[in-house]
């Protein structure tokens, strides 16, 4: 049977204590807050971080009855393909299960994705741009956002660009092997260092208006060629090679962070990949 709810309310609850979520949880804990974190199988690891685990699975409603009431809830669930669930089961079904089980009240911060944008012309997009994703994953993420807005219109949505940082270096293994990277090397990448993503969550908790949406990205999206060329140099790998097959209709846009900077007082510590990538490589395990 599920464990009974905690006797005292949490200051914060993290649902999705992965690459981004555990960093936010650790910062909240370092500030002296009582932090609970949902996990399917890593309770001991969370305890080692002085977090209070809640063993549950977003795709299994019966396991969610012990979610504590919290002043702030961060929902940052990612996709674990090894678990055998579809993207929709996790992002839409899992979110629906959590919203049904989550105690009322508190601030809810939901980490979404800039994949909801489908623009293909290389232009700038922001929170007011049309959301017409061209990829199935983006359509699922947009469906999840719609569900969230229906059930929790006060939730704060952070549409995050691709996270990178220590031990998350995009296409590292193909580059080390000297393999050609498939795709148009001159299309744009939209990125944000994971530490800047964590900063954005804390800024949103402190200053975002209920129901607001923000795009979270660094200041200057690079072209793929520039990013992977620098990554290869930093890894002391062969020069980045590209198998430049055409990608007709593929998404290609640059994500603006202007509103988040203006409204939240947030600014990336790593404004561009040229600032963040060397730091990420240096901090990664061999």
Protein backbone atom coordinates (compact mmCIF):
# COMPACT_ATOMS: atom_id res chain seq x y z
CA UNK A 1 0.00 0.00 0.00
CA UNK A 2 1.19 3.57 -0.63
CA UNK A 3 2.76 5.36 2.30
CA UNK A 4 0.54 7.83 4.16
CA UNK A 5 1.00 11.51 3.35
CA UNK A 6 3.73 13.31 5.32
CA UNK A 7 2.58 14.66 8.67
CA UNK A 8 3.80 18.18 7.92
CA UNK A 9 3.53 20.12 4.67
CA UNK A 10 6.53 20.43 2.39
CA UNK A 11 8.06 23.74 1.45
CA UNK A 12 8.66 22.30 -2.02
CA UNK A 13 7.87 19.21 -4.04
CA UNK A 14 9.80 18.13 -7.14
CA UNK A 15 8.07 15.78 -9.54
CA UNK A 16 10.71 14.71 -12.02
CA UNK A 17 13.93 14.85 -10.01
CA UNK A 18 16.18 14.31 -13.03
CA UNK A 19 18.85 16.37 -14.75
CA UNK A 20 17.16 19.71 -14.02
CA UNK A 21 14.89 18.80 -11.13
CA UNK A 22 17.54 17.54 -8.72
CA UNK A 23 19.54 20.73 -9.16
CA UNK A 24 16.53 22.82 -8.22
CA UNK A 25 15.79 20.50 -5.29
CA UNK A 26 19.38 20.75 -4.04
CA UNK A 27 19.24 24.55 -4.14
CA UNK A 28 15.99 24.64 -2.24
CA UNK A 29 17.40 22.24 0.35
CA UNK A 30 20.59 24.31 0.68
CA UNK A 31 18.36 27.27 1.49
CA UNK A 32 16.99 25.32 4.47
CA UNK A 33 13.69 24.31 2.94
CA UNK A 34 11.92 20.99 3.43
CA UNK A 35 11.96 19.36 -0.01
CA UNK A 36 10.14 16.24 -1.14
CA UNK A 37 10.96 14.56 -4.43
CA UNK A 38 9.05 11.94 -6.37
CA UNK A 39 11.06 8.97 -7.58
CA UNK A 40 10.29 5.56 -9.00
CA UNK A 41 13.39 3.79 -7.73
CA UNK A 42 16.04 6.16 -6.37
CA UNK A 43 14.85 6.82 -2.82
CA UNK A 44 18.27 6.17 -1.30
CA UNK A 45 19.94 8.55 -3.72
CA UNK A 46 17.52 11.31 -2.81
CA UNK A 47 18.02 10.72 0.90
CA UNK A 48 21.76 11.08 0.33
CA UNK A 49 21.00 14.58 -0.96
CA UNK A 50 18.96 15.26 2.20
CA UNK A 51 15.72 15.21 0.21
CA UNK A 52 12.60 13.36 1.34
CA UNK A 53 11.59 10.76 -1.27
CA UNK A 54 8.04 9.94 -2.29
CA UNK A 55 8.09 6.65 -4.18
CA UNK A 56 5.58 7.02 -7.01
CA UNK A 57 5.18 6.76 -10.79
CA UNK A 58 3.27 9.40 -12.73
CA UNK A 59 1.89 6.72 -15.06
CA UNK A 60 0.44 4.74 -12.13
CA UNK A 61 -2.32 6.73 -10.38
CA UNK A 62 -2.53 4.40 -7.40
CA UNK A 63 1.03 5.33 -6.39
CA UNK A 64 0.29 9.07 -6.27
CA UNK A 65 -1.92 9.16 -3.19
CA UNK A 66 0.97 10.22 -0.92
CA UNK A 67 1.85 13.45 -2.69
CA UNK A 68 2.33 16.11 0.01
CA UNK A 69 0.83 19.55 0.03
CA UNK A 70 3.59 22.00 -0.89
CA UNK A 71 4.04 25.74 -1.19
CA UNK A 72 5.79 25.22 -4.55
CA UNK A 73 5.62 22.25 -6.90
CA UNK A 74 8.10 21.82 -9.73
CA UNK A 75 6.92 19.46 -12.46
CA UNK A 76 9.90 18.52 -14.63
CA UNK A 77 9.16 14.98 -15.76
CA UNK A 78 11.33 13.73 -18.60
CA UNK A 79 11.07 10.72 -20.87
CA UNK A 80 12.63 7.44 -19.74
CA UNK A 81 12.35 5.22 -22.81
CA UNK A 82 13.55 2.21 -20.83
CA UNK A 83 10.31 2.30 -18.82
CA UNK A 84 8.32 1.15 -21.84
CA UNK A 85 5.75 3.95 -21.94
CA UNK A 86 4.85 6.11 -24.92
CA UNK A 87 5.65 9.81 -24.97
CA UNK A 88 1.95 10.59 -24.69
CA UNK A 89 1.49 8.19 -21.75
CA UNK A 90 4.18 10.07 -19.83
CA UNK A 91 3.64 13.69 -20.84
CA UNK A 92 -0.15 13.81 -21.11
CA UNK A 93 -1.36 10.81 -19.15
CA UNK A 94 1.23 11.26 -16.38
CA UNK A 95 0.47 14.95 -16.01
CA UNK A 96 -3.25 14.24 -15.83
CA UNK A 97 -2.68 11.65 -13.11
CA UNK A 98 -0.59 14.06 -11.05
CA UNK A 99 -3.04 16.94 -11.42
CA UNK A 100 -5.84 14.68 -10.18
CA UNK A 101 -3.80 13.62 -7.15
CA UNK A 102 -2.00 16.84 -6.25
CA UNK A 103 -3.36 18.61 -3.15
CA UNK A 104 -4.93 21.97 -3.93
CA UNK A 105 -3.06 25.20 -3.44
CA UNK A 106 0.55 26.18 -3.85
CA UNK A 107 2.47 27.45 -6.83
CA UNK A 108 2.94 25.02 -9.72
CA UNK A 109 5.87 25.48 -12.11
CA UNK A 110 5.73 23.27 -15.18
CA UNK A 111 8.77 22.69 -17.38
CA UNK A 112 7.68 22.40 -20.99
CA UNK A 113 9.69 22.58 -24.22
CA UNK A 114 10.34 24.95 -27.08
CA UNK A 115 9.45 21.95 -29.24
CA UNK A 116 5.91 23.39 -29.28
CA UNK A 117 7.13 25.82 -31.94
CA UNK A 118 7.23 24.55 -35.50
CA UNK A 119 8.57 27.55 -37.42
CA UNK A 120 10.91 26.59 -40.25
CA UNK A 121 12.23 29.92 -41.55
CA UNK A 122 15.04 30.47 -39.01
CA UNK A 123 13.33 33.54 -37.54
CA UNK A 124 12.88 34.50 -33.91
CA UNK A 125 10.01 33.11 -31.82
CA UNK A 126 8.75 34.06 -28.39
CA UNK A 127 5.81 33.44 -26.08
CA UNK A 128 3.39 35.14 -28.47
CA UNK A 129 4.42 33.12 -31.53
CA UNK A 130 2.05 30.49 -32.97
CA UNK A 131 2.49 27.00 -31.54
CA UNK A 132 2.20 24.68 -34.52
CA UNK A 133 4.74 21.91 -33.94
CA UNK A 134 5.84 19.84 -36.91
CA UNK A 135 7.10 16.88 -34.89
CA UNK A 136 4.96 14.39 -32.97
CA UNK A 137 6.88 15.01 -29.73
CA UNK A 138 6.09 18.71 -29.98
CA UNK A 139 2.41 18.00 -30.55
CA UNK A 140 2.32 15.82 -27.45
CA UNK A 141 4.02 18.52 -25.36
CA UNK A 142 1.51 21.09 -26.62
CA UNK A 143 -1.35 18.72 -25.70
CA UNK A 144 0.10 18.46 -22.20
CA UNK A 145 0.27 22.25 -21.92
CA UNK A 146 -3.39 22.48 -22.97
CA UNK A 147 -4.37 19.96 -20.30
CA UNK A 148 -2.44 21.94 -17.71
CA UNK A 149 -4.10 25.21 -18.71
CA UNK A 150 -7.53 23.56 -18.48
CA UNK A 151 -6.99 22.15 -14.99
CA UNK A 152 -4.50 24.59 -13.45
CA UNK A 153 -4.77 27.93 -15.28
CA UNK A 154 -2.61 29.48 -12.57
CA UNK A 155 0.38 27.24 -13.38
CA UNK A 156 3.60 28.88 -14.59
CA UNK A 157 4.93 27.33 -17.79
CA UNK A 158 8.62 27.44 -18.65
CA UNK A 159 9.23 26.41 -22.26
CA UNK A 160 12.81 25.28 -22.04
CA UNK A 161 15.27 25.08 -24.90
CA UNK A 162 17.51 22.01 -25.05
CA UNK A 163 19.35 21.48 -21.78
CA UNK A 164 23.06 20.85 -21.83
CA UNK A 165 25.76 20.84 -19.18
CA UNK A 166 28.01 18.42 -17.29
CA UNK A 167 27.54 14.88 -18.58
CA UNK A 168 24.95 16.04 -21.10
CA UNK A 169 26.89 16.97 -24.23
CA UNK A 170 24.79 16.74 -27.35
CA UNK A 171 26.06 14.12 -29.84
CA UNK A 172 29.20 13.45 -27.81
CA UNK A 173 29.65 9.82 -28.81
CA UNK A 174 29.27 10.29 -32.59
CA UNK A 175 31.73 13.17 -32.42
CA UNK A 176 34.28 11.14 -30.48
CA UNK A 177 33.95 8.41 -33.12
CA UNK A 178 34.34 10.88 -35.98
CA UNK A 179 30.92 9.97 -37.38
CA UNK A 180 29.10 12.34 -39.70
CA UNK A 181 26.26 14.22 -38.00
CA UNK A 182 23.07 13.88 -40.00
CA UNK A 183 21.16 17.05 -40.80
CA UNK A 184 21.52 20.59 -42.06
CA UNK A 185 24.56 22.02 -40.30
CA UNK A 186 23.35 25.56 -40.80
CA UNK A 187 20.07 25.18 -38.93
CA UNK A 188 19.78 26.80 -35.51
CA UNK A 189 20.16 25.12 -32.13
CA UNK A 190 18.25 26.49 -29.14
CA UNK A 191 20.02 25.73 -25.89
CA UNK A 192 20.21 26.62 -22.22
CA UNK A 193 22.80 25.46 -19.70
CA UNK A 194 21.19 23.36 -16.97
CA UNK A 195 22.38 25.75 -14.23
CA UNK A 196 20.64 28.59 -16.06
CA UNK A 197 17.54 26.43 -16.32
CA UNK A 198 17.61 25.95 -12.55
CA UNK A 199 18.07 29.69 -12.05
CA UNK A 200 14.98 30.26 -14.22
CA UNK A 201 12.87 27.99 -12.02
CA UNK A 202 13.89 29.88 -8.89
CA UNK A 203 13.26 33.22 -10.58
CA UNK A 204 9.83 32.04 -11.71
CA UNK A 205 8.97 30.93 -8.18
CA UNK A 206 9.94 34.34 -6.84
CA UNK A 207 8.57 36.66 -9.50
CA UNK A 208 6.35 35.05 -12.14
CA UNK A 209 2.70 36.01 -12.31
CA UNK A 210 0.20 33.15 -11.96
CA UNK A 211 -0.59 31.66 -15.36
CA UNK A 212 2.43 33.17 -17.11
CA UNK A 213 4.43 31.44 -19.85
CA UNK A 214 8.13 32.05 -20.50
CA UNK A 215 10.61 30.76 -23.05
CA UNK A 216 13.91 29.85 -21.41
CA UNK A 217 16.97 29.89 -23.68
CA UNK A 218 20.39 31.47 -23.77
CA UNK A 219 21.06 34.77 -25.48
CA UNK A 220 22.36 33.68 -28.86
CA UNK A 221 21.30 30.42 -30.54
CA UNK A 222 24.20 28.94 -32.53
CA UNK A 223 24.12 27.13 -35.82
CA UNK A 224 24.73 23.42 -35.50
CA UNK A 225 28.02 23.72 -37.34
CA UNK A 226 29.45 26.18 -34.83
CA UNK A 227 28.28 24.24 -31.79
CA UNK A 228 29.57 20.85 -32.86
CA UNK A 229 32.81 22.24 -34.21
CA UNK A 230 33.61 23.73 -30.81
CA UNK A 231 32.48 20.57 -29.01
CA UNK A 232 34.84 18.46 -31.12
CA UNK A 233 37.72 20.80 -30.34
CA UNK A 234 36.99 20.70 -26.59
CA UNK A 235 36.79 16.89 -26.63
CA UNK A 236 40.06 16.66 -28.59
CA UNK A 237 38.10 14.65 -31.14
CA UNK A 238 38.39 14.61 -34.92
CA UNK A 239 36.95 17.74 -36.55
CA UNK A 240 33.16 17.61 -36.58
CA UNK A 241 31.88 16.09 -39.82
CA UNK A 242 28.41 16.59 -41.23
CA UNK A 243 26.26 14.33 -43.39
CA UNK A 244 24.25 17.25 -44.69
CA UNK A 245 21.07 15.64 -45.89
CA UNK A 246 18.24 18.05 -46.71
CA UNK A 247 15.52 18.42 -44.09
CA UNK A 248 12.52 19.86 -45.91
CA UNK A 249 9.87 21.09 -43.50
CA UNK A 250 12.01 20.52 -40.41
CA UNK A 251 11.70 23.01 -37.57
CA UNK A 252 14.26 25.80 -37.66
CA UNK A 253 13.83 28.80 -35.37
CA UNK A 254 15.60 30.98 -32.81
CA UNK A 255 14.03 31.27 -29.37
CA UNK A 256 14.02 34.64 -27.64
CA UNK A 257 14.50 34.90 -23.87
CA UNK A 258 13.61 38.59 -23.72
CA UNK A 259 10.43 38.29 -21.66
CA UNK A 260 11.99 36.04 -19.03
CA UNK A 261 14.86 38.47 -18.60
CA UNK A 262 12.55 41.47 -18.35
CA UNK A 263 9.83 39.98 -16.11
CA UNK A 264 11.81 37.60 -13.93
CA UNK A 265 15.10 39.43 -13.57
CA UNK A 266 16.71 36.26 -14.92
CA UNK A 267 19.88 36.33 -16.98
CA UNK A 268 21.89 33.30 -18.03
CA UNK A 269 25.27 32.81 -16.37
CA UNK A 270 26.31 31.23 -19.66
CA UNK A 271 24.91 33.66 -22.25
CA UNK A 272 26.10 31.60 -25.22
CA UNK A 273 27.41 28.12 -25.95
CA UNK A 274 30.90 29.60 -26.15
CA UNK A 275 30.59 30.39 -22.44
CA UNK A 276 28.75 27.27 -21.33
CA UNK A 277 30.22 24.48 -23.43
CA UNK A 278 33.80 24.72 -22.13
CA UNK A 279 32.48 24.69 -18.57
CA UNK A 280 30.23 21.72 -19.32
CA UNK A 281 33.04 19.70 -20.88
CA UNK A 282 35.41 20.50 -18.02
CA UNK A 283 32.86 19.37 -15.42
CA UNK A 284 31.84 16.15 -17.24
CA UNK A 285 33.05 12.73 -16.27
CA UNK A 286 35.60 11.17 -18.67
